[in-house]
Amino acid sequence: MAKQYEELSGFLAENKGKRKFKQSVELAINFKGIDFAKQDNRINLEIILPNGKGKTRKIGLFASDKNLIAEAEKNGIEIMKDTDMPAITEDSARMSALLDYELIAQPSLMPLIAKNLGQFLGPRNRMPKPLLGNINIEKVVNELNRRIVIRNRGKNLPTVHCIVGNEDMDAEKITKNVNEVLDGIERKIGNNHIRSVYLKLTMSKPLRLV
């Protein structure tokens, strides 16, 4: 990847600012020699990008603990209390709005969330992440803003896609993010199973990296 840094830098400079919106930088990884019909071979990775995604999402916390709620509110997290659950499940607009959030939850509420929201969030892979251990809300917010989740879209699709930044980030930071993703995937499946790797902006032609 390092040897392609200059090529990547030139590609980003060439394609930057050509749209009326800020384009994401996206990675596509194609595989070979893996039977994704086997559950053990499926890719389901959580990766913390060293330089973030170049954007933040709203964070929602399901909680009932007063201390946890107070700390979360200090960090700009929207609170959804256990007592709010019936109203959410009866409002299709509020249910759909949950998909715009990075969701986290007080662990003791996970059974209640699963009962009320599991059928909606589960199939969309959007169930809240339980907050385990000693909770540092500021750290949680930082990691959520840098976290990506990489999953196979289907058992017969030998490819994954993810965001590794936006067009305003410099090439060095994006390179480090790309390397973090590739390292995580190689630890899962080995580098012999990677057929090709492409990088593109939202509306650009792709650049082949591998």
N, C-alpha and C. Protein backbone atom coordinates (compact mmCIF):
# COMPACT_ATOMS: atom_id res chain seq x y z
N MET A 1 0.82 -1.20 0.00
CA MET A 1 0.00 0.00 0.00
C MET A 1 0.86 1.26 0.00
N ALA A 2 1.96 1.25 0.75
CA ALA A 2 2.79 2.45 0.87
C ALA A 2 3.32 2.90 -0.49
N LYS A 3 3.71 1.94 -1.32
CA LYS A 3 4.28 2.29 -2.62
C LYS A 3 3.26 2.95 -3.53
N GLN A 4 1.96 2.81 -3.21
CA GLN A 4 0.92 3.40 -4.03
C GLN A 4 0.42 4.72 -3.45
N TYR A 5 1.12 5.23 -2.42
CA TYR A 5 0.67 6.46 -1.77
C TYR A 5 0.58 7.62 -2.74
N GLU A 6 1.61 7.80 -3.57
CA GLU A 6 1.62 8.93 -4.51
C GLU A 6 0.49 8.80 -5.52
N GLU A 7 0.22 7.59 -5.97
CA GLU A 7 -0.87 7.37 -6.92
C GLU A 7 -2.22 7.71 -6.27
N LEU A 8 -2.38 7.28 -5.02
CA LEU A 8 -3.62 7.56 -4.31
C LEU A 8 -3.78 9.06 -4.09
N SER A 9 -2.69 9.73 -3.73
CA SER A 9 -2.72 11.17 -3.50
C SER A 9 -3.14 11.91 -4.76
N GLY A 10 -2.57 11.52 -5.90
CA GLY A 10 -2.92 12.14 -7.16
C GLY A 10 -4.37 11.89 -7.54
N PHE A 11 -4.85 10.68 -7.28
CA PHE A 11 -6.23 10.31 -7.58
C PHE A 11 -7.20 11.17 -6.78
N LEU A 12 -6.93 11.34 -5.49
CA LEU A 12 -7.81 12.15 -4.65
C LEU A 12 -7.82 13.61 -5.11
N ALA A 13 -6.64 14.14 -5.42
CA ALA A 13 -6.55 15.54 -5.87
C ALA A 13 -7.30 15.74 -7.18
N GLU A 14 -7.24 14.75 -8.05
CA GLU A 14 -7.89 14.85 -9.37
C GLU A 14 -9.41 14.84 -9.26
N ASN A 15 -9.93 14.10 -8.28
CA ASN A 15 -11.38 13.90 -8.20
C ASN A 15 -12.06 14.76 -7.14
N LYS A 16 -11.29 15.45 -6.33
CA LYS A 16 -11.85 16.25 -5.24
C LYS A 16 -12.61 17.47 -5.76
N GLY A 17 -13.73 17.78 -5.07
CA GLY A 17 -14.46 19.02 -5.34
C GLY A 17 -15.24 19.05 -6.63
N LYS A 18 -15.52 17.90 -7.20
CA LYS A 18 -16.23 17.87 -8.48
C LYS A 18 -17.74 17.72 -8.33
N ARG A 19 -18.19 17.59 -7.10
CA ARG A 19 -19.63 17.46 -6.85
C ARG A 19 -20.08 18.56 -5.89
N LYS A 20 -21.38 18.75 -5.80
CA LYS A 20 -21.92 19.78 -4.94
C LYS A 20 -22.05 19.31 -3.50
N PHE A 21 -21.59 18.12 -3.21
CA PHE A 21 -21.61 17.59 -1.85
C PHE A 21 -20.24 17.01 -1.54
N LYS A 22 -19.99 16.79 -0.28
CA LYS A 22 -18.70 16.22 0.14
C LYS A 22 -18.74 14.71 -0.09
N GLN A 23 -17.90 14.24 -0.98
CA GLN A 23 -17.90 12.81 -1.31
C GLN A 23 -17.17 11.98 -0.26
N SER A 24 -17.70 10.80 -0.03
CA SER A 24 -17.00 9.83 0.82
C SER A 24 -15.92 9.13 0.00
N VAL A 25 -14.92 8.62 0.69
CA VAL A 25 -13.91 7.76 0.07
C VAL A 25 -14.25 6.33 0.46
N GLU A 26 -14.44 5.48 -0.53
CA GLU A 26 -14.96 4.14 -0.29
C GLU A 26 -13.98 3.08 -0.78
N LEU A 27 -13.97 1.98 -0.06
CA LEU A 27 -13.07 0.86 -0.38
C LEU A 27 -13.92 -0.34 -0.76
N ALA A 28 -13.52 -1.05 -1.82
CA ALA A 28 -14.17 -2.30 -2.22
C ALA A 28 -13.11 -3.39 -2.27
N ILE A 29 -13.37 -4.49 -1.58
CA ILE A 29 -12.41 -5.59 -1.51
C ILE A 29 -13.08 -6.84 -2.06
N ASN A 30 -12.44 -7.45 -3.05
CA ASN A 30 -12.97 -8.66 -3.69
C ASN A 30 -12.11 -9.85 -3.29
N PHE A 31 -12.79 -10.98 -3.06
CA PHE A 31 -12.11 -12.16 -2.53
C PHE A 31 -12.09 -13.31 -3.53
N LYS A 32 -11.23 -14.27 -3.25
CA LYS A 32 -11.14 -15.48 -4.06
C LYS A 32 -10.87 -16.67 -3.14
N GLY A 33 -11.33 -17.82 -3.57
CA GLY A 33 -11.01 -19.05 -2.87
C GLY A 33 -11.63 -19.21 -1.50
N ILE A 34 -12.76 -18.53 -1.25
CA ILE A 34 -13.44 -18.65 0.04
C ILE A 34 -14.90 -19.03 -0.20
N ASP A 35 -15.36 -20.02 0.55
CA ASP A 35 -16.74 -20.44 0.47
C ASP A 35 -17.54 -19.68 1.54
N PHE A 36 -18.15 -18.56 1.12
CA PHE A 36 -18.89 -17.75 2.08
C PHE A 36 -20.23 -18.35 2.46
N ALA A 37 -20.59 -19.46 1.84
CA ALA A 37 -21.79 -20.17 2.27
C ALA A 37 -21.58 -20.79 3.65
N LYS A 38 -20.30 -21.01 4.02
CA LYS A 38 -19.98 -21.54 5.35
C LYS A 38 -19.95 -20.39 6.35
N GLN A 39 -20.71 -20.54 7.42
CA GLN A 39 -20.86 -19.46 8.39
C GLN A 39 -19.52 -19.01 8.97
N ASP A 40 -18.60 -19.95 9.20
CA ASP A 40 -17.30 -19.61 9.80
C ASP A 40 -16.46 -18.71 8.90
N ASN A 41 -16.75 -18.73 7.61
CA ASN A 41 -15.96 -17.92 6.67
C ASN A 41 -16.54 -16.51 6.47
N ARG A 42 -17.73 -16.27 6.99
CA ARG A 42 -18.36 -14.98 6.80
C ARG A 42 -17.55 -13.87 7.48
N ILE A 43 -17.53 -12.72 6.88
CA ILE A 43 -16.80 -11.58 7.44
C ILE A 43 -17.76 -10.68 8.20
N ASN A 44 -17.44 -10.43 9.45
CA ASN A 44 -18.23 -9.55 10.31
C ASN A 44 -17.25 -8.88 11.27
N LEU A 45 -16.62 -7.82 10.79
CA LEU A 45 -15.53 -7.18 11.53
C LEU A 45 -15.90 -5.76 11.96
N GLU A 46 -15.49 -5.42 13.16
CA GLU A 46 -15.60 -4.04 13.64
C GLU A 46 -14.18 -3.47 13.67
N ILE A 47 -13.97 -2.39 12.96
CA ILE A 47 -12.64 -1.79 12.85
C ILE A 47 -12.71 -0.32 13.25
N ILE A 48 -11.75 0.10 14.07
CA ILE A 48 -11.64 1.49 14.46
C ILE A 48 -10.61 2.16 13.56
N LEU A 49 -11.07 3.05 12.70
CA LEU A 49 -10.16 3.72 11.77
C LEU A 49 -9.28 4.71 12.54
N PRO A 50 -7.97 4.67 12.36
CA PRO A 50 -7.09 5.57 13.11
C PRO A 50 -7.38 7.04 12.88
N ASN A 51 -7.89 7.38 11.70
CA ASN A 51 -8.15 8.79 11.38
C ASN A 51 -9.63 9.09 11.15
N GLY A 52 -10.48 8.20 11.59
CA GLY A 52 -11.91 8.44 11.51
C GLY A 52 -12.46 8.38 10.10
N LYS A 53 -13.77 8.56 10.01
CA LYS A 53 -14.48 8.47 8.74
C LYS A 53 -14.66 9.81 8.05
N GLY A 54 -14.22 10.87 8.73
CA GLY A 54 -14.39 12.20 8.15
C GLY A 54 -15.78 12.77 8.36
N LYS A 55 -16.59 12.09 9.14
CA LYS A 55 -17.92 12.58 9.45
C LYS A 55 -18.38 11.93 10.75
N THR A 56 -19.36 12.53 11.37
CA THR A 56 -19.91 11.97 12.60
C THR A 56 -21.38 11.66 12.39
N ARG A 57 -21.87 10.72 13.17
CA ARG A 57 -23.30 10.39 13.15
C ARG A 57 -23.88 10.66 14.52
N LYS A 58 -25.18 10.81 14.56
CA LYS A 58 -25.85 10.96 15.85
C LYS A 58 -25.70 9.65 16.64
N ILE A 59 -25.58 9.79 17.94
CA ILE A 59 -25.45 8.64 18.82
C ILE A 59 -26.66 8.58 19.74
N GLY A 60 -27.27 7.42 19.82
CA GLY A 60 -28.42 7.23 20.69
C GLY A 60 -28.13 6.18 21.75
N LEU A 61 -28.51 6.47 22.98
CA LEU A 61 -28.26 5.55 24.10
C LEU A 61 -29.58 5.12 24.72
N PHE A 62 -29.80 3.81 24.80
CA PHE A 62 -30.90 3.26 25.57
C PHE A 62 -30.41 3.07 27.01
N ALA A 63 -31.04 3.76 27.94
CA ALA A 63 -30.55 3.70 29.32
C ALA A 63 -31.66 4.05 30.31
N SER A 64 -31.47 3.57 31.55
CA SER A 64 -32.35 3.94 32.66
C SER A 64 -31.54 4.44 33.85
N ASP A 65 -30.24 4.16 33.86
CA ASP A 65 -29.37 4.57 34.95
C ASP A 65 -29.15 6.09 34.92
N LYS A 66 -29.47 6.76 36.02
CA LYS A 66 -29.42 8.23 36.04
C LYS A 66 -28.01 8.76 35.84
N ASN A 67 -27.02 8.11 36.43
CA ASN A 67 -25.64 8.58 36.30
C ASN A 67 -25.15 8.42 34.86
N LEU A 68 -25.48 7.29 34.26
CA LEU A 68 -25.09 7.04 32.87
C LEU A 68 -25.76 8.05 31.95
N ILE A 69 -27.03 8.31 32.18
CA ILE A 69 -27.77 9.27 31.37
C ILE A 69 -27.16 10.67 31.48
N ALA A 70 -26.83 11.08 32.70
CA ALA A 70 -26.26 12.41 32.91
C ALA A 70 -24.92 12.56 32.18
N GLU A 71 -24.09 11.53 32.25
CA GLU A 71 -22.78 11.59 31.59
C GLU A 71 -22.94 11.58 30.07
N ALA A 72 -23.88 10.80 29.58
CA ALA A 72 -24.11 10.73 28.14
C ALA A 72 -24.62 12.07 27.61
N GLU A 73 -25.51 12.70 28.34
CA GLU A 73 -26.06 13.98 27.90
C GLU A 73 -24.97 15.05 27.83
N LYS A 74 -24.00 14.99 28.73
CA LYS A 74 -22.87 15.93 28.70
C LYS A 74 -22.08 15.80 27.40
N ASN A 75 -22.11 14.60 26.81
CA ASN A 75 -21.34 14.34 25.59
C ASN A 75 -22.20 14.37 24.33
N GLY A 76 -23.38 14.97 24.44
CA GLY A 76 -24.21 15.17 23.26
C GLY A 76 -24.93 13.95 22.75
N ILE A 77 -25.07 12.93 23.59
CA ILE A 77 -25.76 11.70 23.18
C ILE A 77 -27.25 11.83 23.46
N GLU A 78 -28.07 11.41 22.50
CA GLU A 78 -29.52 11.44 22.69
C GLU A 78 -29.95 10.22 23.51
N ILE A 79 -30.78 10.46 24.49
CA ILE A 79 -31.19 9.40 25.41
C ILE A 79 -32.55 8.85 25.02
N MET A 80 -32.65 7.52 25.04
CA MET A 80 -33.92 6.83 24.89
C MET A 80 -34.09 5.94 26.10
N LYS A 81 -35.00 6.32 26.99
CA LYS A 81 -35.18 5.59 28.24
C LYS A 81 -36.01 4.33 28.02
N ASP A 82 -35.90 3.43 28.97
CA ASP A 82 -36.68 2.19 28.87
C ASP A 82 -38.17 2.49 28.79
N THR A 83 -38.59 3.56 29.46
CA THR A 83 -40.01 3.91 29.45
C THR A 83 -40.47 4.49 28.10
N ASP A 84 -39.50 4.85 27.24
CA ASP A 84 -39.83 5.37 25.91
C ASP A 84 -40.12 4.25 24.91
N MET A 85 -39.77 3.03 25.27
CA MET A 85 -39.82 1.93 24.32
C MET A 85 -41.20 1.70 23.69
N PRO A 86 -42.28 1.68 24.47
CA PRO A 86 -43.59 1.45 23.85
C PRO A 86 -43.95 2.51 22.82
N ALA A 87 -43.64 3.78 23.15
CA ALA A 87 -43.97 4.87 22.21
C ALA A 87 -43.16 4.74 20.92
N ILE A 88 -41.90 4.30 21.02
CA ILE A 88 -41.07 4.13 19.83
C ILE A 88 -41.61 3.02 18.94
N THR A 89 -41.98 1.91 19.55
CA THR A 89 -42.44 0.76 18.76
C THR A 89 -43.78 1.03 18.07
N GLU A 90 -44.54 1.98 18.58
CA GLU A 90 -45.84 2.29 17.99
C GLU A 90 -45.76 3.41 16.96
N ASP A 91 -44.57 3.95 16.73
CA ASP A 91 -44.40 5.08 15.82
C ASP A 91 -43.40 4.68 14.73
N SER A 92 -43.89 4.42 13.52
CA SER A 92 -43.03 3.94 12.44
C SER A 92 -41.96 4.96 12.06
N ALA A 93 -42.29 6.25 12.18
CA ALA A 93 -41.30 7.28 11.86
C ALA A 93 -40.15 7.27 12.86
N ARG A 94 -40.46 7.09 14.14
CA ARG A 94 -39.40 7.01 15.16
C ARG A 94 -38.57 5.75 14.99
N MET A 95 -39.23 4.67 14.59
CA MET A 95 -38.49 3.42 14.35
C MET A 95 -37.50 3.62 13.21
N SER A 96 -37.95 4.21 12.12
CA SER A 96 -37.07 4.43 10.97
C SER A 96 -35.95 5.39 11.31
N ALA A 97 -36.23 6.37 12.17
CA ALA A 97 -35.21 7.35 12.56
C ALA A 97 -34.06 6.70 13.31
N LEU A 98 -34.30 5.58 13.96
CA LEU A 98 -33.23 4.88 14.68
C LEU A 98 -32.09 4.47 13.75
N LEU A 99 -32.40 4.26 12.47
CA LEU A 99 -31.39 3.82 11.52
C LEU A 99 -30.36 4.90 11.22
N ASP A 100 -30.65 6.13 11.62
CA ASP A 100 -29.72 7.24 11.40
C ASP A 100 -28.73 7.39 12.55
N TYR A 101 -28.86 6.55 13.56
CA TYR A 101 -28.03 6.66 14.76
C TYR A 101 -27.01 5.54 14.87
N GLU A 102 -25.92 5.85 15.55
CA GLU A 102 -25.08 4.81 16.13
C GLU A 102 -25.71 4.49 17.48
N LEU A 103 -26.17 3.26 17.67
CA LEU A 103 -26.93 2.92 18.86
C LEU A 103 -26.08 2.16 19.87
N ILE A 104 -26.20 2.56 21.13
CA ILE A 104 -25.54 1.87 22.24
C ILE A 104 -26.58 1.67 23.33
N ALA A 105 -26.27 0.81 24.30
CA ALA A 105 -27.29 0.50 25.30
C ALA A 105 -26.67 0.07 26.62
N GLN A 106 -27.38 0.40 27.66
CA GLN A 106 -27.09 -0.15 28.99
C GLN A 106 -27.35 -1.66 28.91
N PRO A 107 -26.38 -2.50 29.30
CA PRO A 107 -26.52 -3.95 29.08
C PRO A 107 -27.81 -4.55 29.63
N SER A 108 -28.25 -4.08 30.78
CA SER A 108 -29.45 -4.66 31.40
C SER A 108 -30.71 -4.43 30.58
N LEU A 109 -30.65 -3.50 29.63
CA LEU A 109 -31.82 -3.22 28.80
C LEU A 109 -31.85 -4.02 27.50
N MET A 110 -30.80 -4.76 27.24
CA MET A 110 -30.74 -5.49 25.96
C MET A 110 -31.90 -6.46 25.75
N PRO A 111 -32.32 -7.22 26.78
CA PRO A 111 -33.48 -8.11 26.57
C PRO A 111 -34.74 -7.33 26.19
N LEU A 112 -34.96 -6.17 26.85
CA LEU A 112 -36.13 -5.35 26.53
C LEU A 112 -36.05 -4.79 25.12
N ILE A 113 -34.85 -4.37 24.72
CA ILE A 113 -34.65 -3.85 23.36
C ILE A 113 -34.90 -4.96 22.34
N ALA A 114 -34.36 -6.14 22.62
CA ALA A 114 -34.54 -7.26 21.70
C ALA A 114 -36.03 -7.61 21.54
N LYS A 115 -36.76 -7.57 22.65
CA LYS A 115 -38.19 -7.90 22.61
C LYS A 115 -38.98 -6.89 21.81
N ASN A 116 -38.67 -5.61 21.99
CA ASN A 116 -39.46 -4.55 21.37
C ASN A 116 -38.96 -4.13 19.99
N LEU A 117 -37.65 -4.14 19.79
CA LEU A 117 -37.08 -3.59 18.56
C LEU A 117 -36.27 -4.60 17.75
N GLY A 118 -36.11 -5.78 18.29
CA GLY A 118 -35.26 -6.78 17.64
C GLY A 118 -35.69 -7.14 16.24
N GLN A 119 -37.00 -7.27 16.03
CA GLN A 119 -37.48 -7.66 14.70
C GLN A 119 -37.23 -6.57 13.66
N PHE A 120 -37.14 -5.33 14.11
CA PHE A 120 -36.88 -4.22 13.19
C PHE A 120 -35.39 -3.98 13.01
N LEU A 121 -34.64 -3.90 14.10
CA LEU A 121 -33.22 -3.57 14.03
C LEU A 121 -32.35 -4.77 13.67
N GLY A 122 -32.73 -5.95 14.13
CA GLY A 122 -31.91 -7.15 13.92
C GLY A 122 -31.61 -7.45 12.46
N PRO A 123 -32.64 -7.57 11.60
CA PRO A 123 -32.39 -7.88 10.19
C PRO A 123 -31.58 -6.81 9.47
N ARG A 124 -31.54 -5.61 10.03
CA ARG A 124 -30.80 -4.50 9.41
C ARG A 124 -29.40 -4.36 10.03
N ASN A 125 -29.05 -5.31 10.89
CA ASN A 125 -27.74 -5.29 11.58
C ASN A 125 -27.52 -3.98 12.34
N ARG A 126 -28.58 -3.49 12.99
CA ARG A 126 -28.49 -2.22 13.69
C ARG A 126 -28.83 -2.32 15.17
N MET A 127 -28.75 -3.52 15.73
CA MET A 127 -28.99 -3.66 17.16
C MET A 127 -27.95 -2.85 17.95
N PRO A 128 -28.35 -2.23 19.07
CA PRO A 128 -27.41 -1.43 19.85
C PRO A 128 -26.23 -2.25 20.37
N LYS A 129 -25.10 -1.60 20.51
CA LYS A 129 -23.93 -2.22 21.10
C LYS A 129 -23.99 -2.01 22.61
N PRO A 130 -23.98 -3.09 23.40
CA PRO A 130 -24.04 -2.92 24.86
C PRO A 130 -22.74 -2.32 25.40
N LEU A 131 -22.87 -1.43 26.38
CA LEU A 131 -21.71 -0.81 27.02
C LEU A 131 -21.25 -1.70 28.15
N LEU A 132 -20.11 -2.34 27.97
CA LEU A 132 -19.62 -3.32 28.94
C LEU A 132 -18.42 -2.77 29.70
N GLY A 133 -18.21 -3.29 30.92
CA GLY A 133 -17.03 -2.91 31.70
C GLY A 133 -17.12 -1.50 32.25
N ASN A 134 -15.95 -0.94 32.56
CA ASN A 134 -15.89 0.44 33.03
C ASN A 134 -16.15 1.39 31.86
N ILE A 135 -17.21 2.14 31.95
CA ILE A 135 -17.66 2.93 30.82
C ILE A 135 -17.08 4.34 30.87
N ASN A 136 -16.36 4.69 29.81
CA ASN A 136 -15.87 6.05 29.62
C ASN A 136 -16.62 6.61 28.41
N ILE A 137 -17.64 7.42 28.69
CA ILE A 137 -18.53 7.88 27.62
C ILE A 137 -17.78 8.68 26.56
N GLU A 138 -16.83 9.51 26.99
CA GLU A 138 -16.07 10.30 26.02
C GLU A 138 -15.31 9.39 25.06
N LYS A 139 -14.73 8.31 25.60
CA LYS A 139 -14.02 7.35 24.77
C LYS A 139 -14.99 6.61 23.85
N VAL A 140 -16.15 6.28 24.36
CA VAL A 140 -17.17 5.59 23.56
C VAL A 140 -17.56 6.44 22.35
N VAL A 141 -17.80 7.73 22.58
CA VAL A 141 -18.17 8.64 21.49
C VAL A 141 -17.05 8.71 20.45
N ASN A 142 -15.81 8.82 20.93
CA ASN A 142 -14.67 8.90 20.01
C ASN A 142 -14.57 7.66 19.14
N GLU A 143 -14.73 6.48 19.75
CA GLU A 143 -14.61 5.24 18.99
C GLU A 143 -15.78 5.04 18.03
N LEU A 144 -16.98 5.43 18.44
CA LEU A 144 -18.12 5.29 17.55
C LEU A 144 -17.97 6.14 16.30
N ASN A 145 -17.36 7.31 16.47
CA ASN A 145 -17.15 8.19 15.32
C ASN A 145 -16.04 7.70 14.40
N ARG A 146 -15.26 6.71 14.86
CA ARG A 146 -14.18 6.15 14.03
C ARG A 146 -14.46 4.71 13.63
N ARG A 147 -15.56 4.15 14.11
CA ARG A 147 -15.85 2.73 13.89
C ARG A 147 -16.54 2.49 12.56
N ILE A 148 -16.11 1.43 11.89
CA ILE A 148 -16.86 0.91 10.75
C ILE A 148 -17.10 -0.57 10.98
N VAL A 149 -18.15 -1.08 10.41
CA VAL A 149 -18.47 -2.51 10.50
C VAL A 149 -18.45 -3.07 9.08
N ILE A 150 -17.69 -4.13 8.88
CA ILE A 150 -17.55 -4.74 7.55
C ILE A 150 -18.21 -6.12 7.57
N ARG A 151 -19.21 -6.30 6.71
CA ARG A 151 -19.93 -7.57 6.66
C ARG A 151 -20.14 -7.99 5.21
N ASN A 152 -20.20 -9.31 5.00
CA ASN A 152 -20.65 -9.83 3.71
C ASN A 152 -22.12 -9.47 3.52
N ARG A 153 -22.46 -9.04 2.34
CA ARG A 153 -23.86 -8.73 2.05
C ARG A 153 -24.69 -9.98 1.83
N GLY A 154 -24.06 -11.05 1.39
CA GLY A 154 -24.78 -12.29 1.15
C GLY A 154 -23.80 -13.45 1.12
N LYS A 155 -24.30 -14.65 1.27
CA LYS A 155 -23.42 -15.80 1.40
C LYS A 155 -22.69 -16.13 0.10
N ASN A 156 -23.19 -15.60 -1.03
CA ASN A 156 -22.55 -15.91 -2.31
C ASN A 156 -21.87 -14.70 -2.94
N LEU A 157 -21.73 -13.60 -2.19
CA LEU A 157 -21.12 -12.39 -2.73
C LEU A 157 -19.70 -12.24 -2.19
N PRO A 158 -18.69 -12.47 -3.04
CA PRO A 158 -17.29 -12.44 -2.57
C PRO A 158 -16.71 -11.03 -2.55
N THR A 159 -17.41 -10.10 -1.91
CA THR A 159 -16.93 -8.72 -1.87
C THR A 159 -17.48 -8.01 -0.65
N VAL A 160 -16.74 -7.00 -0.16
CA VAL A 160 -17.23 -6.14 0.90
C VAL A 160 -16.91 -4.69 0.54
N HIS A 161 -17.68 -3.76 1.09
CA HIS A 161 -17.47 -2.33 0.86
C HIS A 161 -17.47 -1.61 2.20
N CYS A 162 -16.71 -0.53 2.29
CA CYS A 162 -16.72 0.28 3.51
C CYS A 162 -16.22 1.68 3.20
N ILE A 163 -16.52 2.61 4.10
CA ILE A 163 -16.03 3.99 4.01
C ILE A 163 -14.71 4.11 4.74
N VAL A 164 -13.75 4.81 4.15
CA VAL A 164 -12.44 5.00 4.80
C VAL A 164 -12.08 6.48 4.93
N GLY A 165 -13.05 7.39 4.71
CA GLY A 165 -12.78 8.81 4.86
C GLY A 165 -13.66 9.63 3.95
N ASN A 166 -13.28 10.90 3.77
CA ASN A 166 -13.95 11.76 2.81
C ASN A 166 -12.93 12.55 2.01
N GLU A 167 -13.39 13.23 0.99
CA GLU A 167 -12.49 13.88 0.04
C GLU A 167 -11.66 15.02 0.64
N ASP A 168 -12.05 15.53 1.81
CA ASP A 168 -11.29 16.60 2.44
C ASP A 168 -10.12 16.10 3.27
N MET A 169 -10.05 14.81 3.49
CA MET A 169 -8.94 14.24 4.27
C MET A 169 -7.73 14.07 3.36
N ASP A 170 -6.52 14.24 3.94
CA ASP A 170 -5.33 14.09 3.10
C ASP A 170 -5.03 12.62 2.84
N ALA A 171 -4.25 12.39 1.83
CA ALA A 171 -3.99 11.03 1.36
C ALA A 171 -3.30 10.17 2.41
N GLU A 172 -2.44 10.77 3.22
CA GLU A 172 -1.73 9.99 4.24
C GLU A 172 -2.70 9.41 5.26
N LYS A 173 -3.68 10.20 5.69
CA LYS A 173 -4.65 9.71 6.66
C LYS A 173 -5.53 8.62 6.05
N ILE A 174 -5.92 8.80 4.80
CA ILE A 174 -6.74 7.79 4.15
C ILE A 174 -5.94 6.51 3.94
N THR A 175 -4.66 6.65 3.60
CA THR A 175 -3.80 5.49 3.44
C THR A 175 -3.73 4.67 4.72
N LYS A 176 -3.58 5.35 5.85
CA LYS A 176 -3.52 4.64 7.13
C LYS A 176 -4.85 3.95 7.44
N ASN A 177 -5.96 4.59 7.10
CA ASN A 177 -7.25 3.95 7.29
C ASN A 177 -7.40 2.71 6.42
N VAL A 178 -6.98 2.82 5.16
CA VAL A 178 -7.05 1.67 4.24
C VAL A 178 -6.21 0.52 4.78
N ASN A 179 -5.00 0.82 5.24
CA ASN A 179 -4.13 -0.22 5.77
C ASN A 179 -4.74 -0.90 6.99
N GLU A 180 -5.43 -0.12 7.83
CA GLU A 180 -6.07 -0.70 9.02
C GLU A 180 -7.16 -1.69 8.61
N VAL A 181 -7.94 -1.34 7.59
CA VAL A 181 -8.98 -2.24 7.10
C VAL A 181 -8.37 -3.50 6.52
N LEU A 182 -7.36 -3.35 5.66
CA LEU A 182 -6.74 -4.52 5.03
C LEU A 182 -6.07 -5.42 6.06
N ASP A 183 -5.43 -4.82 7.06
CA ASP A 183 -4.81 -5.63 8.11
C ASP A 183 -5.86 -6.44 8.86
N GLY A 184 -7.00 -5.81 9.17
CA GLY A 184 -8.05 -6.52 9.88
C GLY A 184 -8.62 -7.67 9.07
N ILE A 185 -8.81 -7.46 7.77
CA ILE A 185 -9.34 -8.51 6.92
C ILE A 185 -8.32 -9.64 6.74
N GLU A 186 -7.05 -9.27 6.58
CA GLU A 186 -6.02 -10.29 6.42
C GLU A 186 -5.89 -11.15 7.67
N ARG A 187 -6.09 -10.56 8.85
CA ARG A 187 -6.05 -11.35 10.08
C ARG A 187 -7.20 -12.36 10.11
N LYS A 188 -8.30 -12.01 9.46
CA LYS A 188 -9.46 -12.89 9.44
C LYS A 188 -9.32 -13.99 8.40
N ILE A 189 -8.88 -13.66 7.18
CA ILE A 189 -8.92 -14.64 6.09
C ILE A 189 -7.56 -14.91 5.44
N GLY A 190 -6.54 -14.10 5.77
CA GLY A 190 -5.24 -14.27 5.12
C GLY A 190 -5.17 -13.48 3.82
N ASN A 191 -3.98 -13.01 3.46
CA ASN A 191 -3.86 -12.16 2.26
C ASN A 191 -3.96 -12.94 0.96
N ASN A 192 -3.84 -14.26 1.01
CA ASN A 192 -3.93 -15.06 -0.22
C ASN A 192 -5.34 -15.11 -0.79
N HIS A 193 -6.31 -14.67 0.00
CA HIS A 193 -7.70 -14.73 -0.44
C HIS A 193 -8.22 -13.39 -0.94
N ILE A 194 -7.37 -12.37 -1.01
CA ILE A 194 -7.79 -11.07 -1.53
C ILE A 194 -7.48 -11.03 -3.04
N ARG A 195 -8.53 -10.91 -3.84
CA ARG A 195 -8.37 -10.88 -5.29
C ARG A 195 -7.98 -9.48 -5.77
N SER A 196 -8.67 -8.46 -5.27
CA SER A 196 -8.40 -7.09 -5.70
C SER A 196 -8.97 -6.12 -4.68
N VAL A 197 -8.41 -4.90 -4.69
CA VAL A 197 -8.87 -3.83 -3.81
C VAL A 197 -9.01 -2.56 -4.64
N TYR A 198 -10.17 -1.92 -4.55
CA TYR A 198 -10.41 -0.67 -5.29
C TYR A 198 -10.79 0.44 -4.32
N LEU A 199 -10.38 1.65 -4.66
CA LEU A 199 -10.76 2.83 -3.89
C LEU A 199 -11.43 3.83 -4.82
N LYS A 200 -12.48 4.48 -4.35
CA LYS A 200 -13.19 5.46 -5.18
C LYS A 200 -13.84 6.50 -4.29
N LEU A 201 -14.13 7.67 -4.89
CA LEU A 201 -15.01 8.63 -4.26
C LEU A 201 -16.44 8.26 -4.63
N THR A 202 -17.39 8.84 -3.95
CA THR A 202 -18.79 8.46 -4.14
C THR A 202 -19.19 8.41 -5.61
N MET A 203 -18.77 9.44 -6.38
CA MET A 203 -19.19 9.55 -7.78
C MET A 203 -18.03 9.46 -8.76
N SER A 204 -16.91 8.90 -8.35
CA SER A 204 -15.75 8.83 -9.24
C SER A 204 -15.58 7.43 -9.80
N LYS A 205 -14.71 7.30 -10.78
CA LYS A 205 -14.29 6.00 -11.25
C LYS A 205 -13.35 5.41 -10.20
N PRO A 206 -13.23 4.08 -10.12
CA PRO A 206 -12.39 3.46 -9.11
C PRO A 206 -10.90 3.47 -9.47
N LEU A 207 -10.09 3.44 -8.44
CA LEU A 207 -8.65 3.28 -8.57
C LEU A 207 -8.27 1.93 -7.99
N ARG A 208 -7.60 1.09 -8.77
CA ARG A 208 -7.21 -0.22 -8.25
C ARG A 208 -5.94 -0.08 -7.42
N LEU A 209 -6.00 -0.59 -6.19
CA LEU A 209 -4.85 -0.54 -5.27
C LEU A 209 -4.12 -1.87 -5.25
N VAL A 210 -4.86 -2.95 -5.38
CA VAL A 210 -4.27 -4.31 -5.33
C VAL A 210 -4.85 -5.12 -6.48
